[in-house]
C-alpha atoms as a PDB file:
ATOM      1  CA  UNK A   1     -13.674   9.515  31.468  1.00  0.00           C
ATOM      2  CA  UNK A   2     -11.337  12.371  30.549  1.00  0.00           C
ATOM      3  CA  UNK A   3      -8.732  11.326  33.131  1.00  0.00           C
ATOM      4  CA  UNK A   4      -8.617   7.700  31.959  1.00  0.00           C
ATOM      5  CA  UNK A   5      -8.195   8.817  28.332  1.00  0.00           C
ATOM      6  CA  UNK A   6      -5.334  11.152  29.325  1.00  0.00           C
ATOM      7  CA  UNK A   7      -3.701   8.323  31.257  1.00  0.00           C
ATOM      8  CA  UNK A   8      -3.988   6.051  28.211  1.00  0.00           C
ATOM      9  CA  UNK A   9      -2.369   8.608  25.870  1.00  0.00           C
ATOM     10  CA  UNK A  10       0.493   9.306  28.299  1.00  0.00           C
ATOM     11  CA  UNK A  11       1.057   5.535  28.618  1.00  0.00           C
ATOM     12  CA  UNK A  12       1.194   5.125  24.830  1.00  0.00           C
ATOM     13  CA  UNK A  13       3.530   8.125  24.487  1.00  0.00           C
ATOM     14  CA  UNK A  14       5.785   6.690  27.212  1.00  0.00           C
ATOM     15  CA  UNK A  15       5.767   3.346  25.390  1.00  0.00           C
ATOM     16  CA  UNK A  16       6.721   5.111  22.144  1.00  0.00           C
ATOM     17  CA  UNK A  17       9.537   6.956  23.907  1.00  0.00           C
ATOM     18  CA  UNK A  18      10.840   3.673  25.365  1.00  0.00           C
ATOM     19  CA  UNK A  19      10.786   2.098  21.891  1.00  0.00           C
ATOM     20  CA  UNK A  20      12.609   5.114  20.448  1.00  0.00           C
ATOM     21  CA  UNK A  21      15.272   5.009  23.182  1.00  0.00           C
ATOM     22  CA  UNK A  22      15.700   1.240  22.674  1.00  0.00           C
ATOM     23  CA  UNK A  23      16.054   1.828  18.924  1.00  0.00           C
ATOM     24  CA  UNK A  24      18.779   4.453  19.472  1.00  0.00           C
ATOM     25  CA  UNK A  25      20.600   2.118  21.903  1.00  0.00           C
ATOM     26  CA  UNK A  26      20.443  -0.740  19.358  1.00  0.00           C
ATOM     27  CA  UNK A  27      21.760   1.505  16.553  1.00  0.00           C
ATOM     28  CA  UNK A  28      24.618   2.852  18.704  1.00  0.00           C
ATOM     29  CA  UNK A  29      25.404  -0.667  19.970  1.00  0.00           C
ATOM     30  CA  UNK A  30      25.483  -1.965  16.392  1.00  0.00           C
ATOM     31  CA  UNK A  31      27.934   0.774  15.329  1.00  0.00           C
ATOM     32  CA  UNK A  32      30.164   0.198  18.386  1.00  0.00           C
ATOM     33  CA  UNK A  33      30.205  -3.582  17.816  1.00  0.00           C
ATOM     34  CA  UNK A  34      31.144  -3.112  14.165  1.00  0.00           C
ATOM     35  CA  UNK A  35      33.934  -0.706  15.196  1.00  0.00           C
ATOM     36  CA  UNK A  36      35.381  -2.967  17.893  1.00  0.00           C
ATOM     37  CA  UNK A  37      35.097  -6.355  16.127  1.00  0.00           C
ATOM     38  CA  UNK A  38      36.034  -5.224  12.626  1.00  0.00           C
ATOM     39  CA  UNK A  39      35.375  -6.561   9.144  1.00  0.00           C
ATOM     40  CA  UNK A  40      34.749 -10.258   9.925  1.00  0.00           C
ATOM     41  CA  UNK A  41      31.857  -9.350  12.240  1.00  0.00           C
ATOM     42  CA  UNK A  42      30.553  -6.822   9.726  1.00  0.00           C
ATOM     43  CA  UNK A  43      30.364  -9.399   6.925  1.00  0.00           C
ATOM     44  CA  UNK A  44      28.781 -12.069   9.145  1.00  0.00           C
ATOM     45  CA  UNK A  45      25.959 -10.108  10.813  1.00  0.00           C
ATOM     46  CA  UNK A  46      25.614  -6.797   8.964  1.00  0.00           C
ATOM     47  CA  UNK A  47      22.646  -7.881   6.826  1.00  0.00           C
ATOM     48  CA  UNK A  48      20.661  -9.598   9.592  1.00  0.00           C
ATOM     49  CA  UNK A  49      21.200  -6.693  12.000  1.00  0.00           C
ATOM     50  CA  UNK A  50      20.134  -4.127   9.400  1.00  0.00           C
ATOM     51  CA  UNK A  51      17.049  -6.234   8.620  1.00  0.00           C
ATOM     52  CA  UNK A  52      16.129  -6.378  12.321  1.00  0.00           C
ATOM     53  CA  UNK A  53      16.741  -2.641  12.812  1.00  0.00           C
ATOM     54  CA  UNK A  54      14.620  -1.864   9.728  1.00  0.00           C
ATOM     55  CA  UNK A  55      11.683  -3.875  11.088  1.00  0.00           C
ATOM     56  CA  UNK A  56      12.130  -2.265  14.521  1.00  0.00           C
ATOM     57  CA  UNK A  57      12.131   1.245  13.009  1.00  0.00           C
ATOM     58  CA  UNK A  58       8.918   0.527  11.061  1.00  0.00           C
ATOM     59  CA  UNK A  59       7.225  -0.791  14.229  1.00  0.00           C
ATOM     60  CA  UNK A  60       8.402   2.287  16.174  1.00  0.00           C
ATOM     61  CA  UNK A  61       7.051   4.666  13.504  1.00  0.00           C
ATOM     62  CA  UNK A  62       3.685   2.848  13.491  1.00  0.00           C
ATOM     63  CA  UNK A  63       3.483   3.039  17.304  1.00  0.00           C
ATOM     64  CA  UNK A  64       4.363   6.740  17.126  1.00  0.00           C
ATOM     65  CA  UNK A  65       1.622   7.461  14.577  1.00  0.00           C
ATOM     66  CA  UNK A  66      -0.946   5.550  16.669  1.00  0.00           C
ATOM     67  CA  UNK A  67       0.104   7.378  19.847  1.00  0.00           C
ATOM     68  CA  UNK A  68      -0.034  10.755  18.071  1.00  0.00           C
ATOM     69  CA  UNK A  69      -3.527  10.068  16.664  1.00  0.00           C
ATOM     70  CA  UNK A  70      -4.766   8.936  20.088  1.00  0.00           C
ATOM     71  CA  UNK A  71      -3.371  12.090  21.683  1.00  0.00           C
ATOM     72  CA  UNK A  72      -5.104  14.265  19.064  1.00  0.00           C
ATOM     73  CA  UNK A  73      -8.383  12.330  19.344  1.00  0.00           C
ATOM     74  CA  UNK A  74      -8.285  12.809  23.137  1.00  0.00           C
ATOM     75  CA  UNK A  75      -8.259  16.603  22.710  1.00  0.00           C
END
């Protein structure tokens, strides 16, 4: 029982880390795209990209809180 719970928490923490890494990659990619393509790209997609990144950050924070609570409940 203890081992399966530990496995579950490590899986959720790994999932959170993957989401965090993906979020960082998306943010860096967004900045690089805006740098390379300039103002026309910025005006066209800036709002939609920021909206998507905002939603993604909220989801990542929620997953992190859930993973943290599970890890604490396991101990």
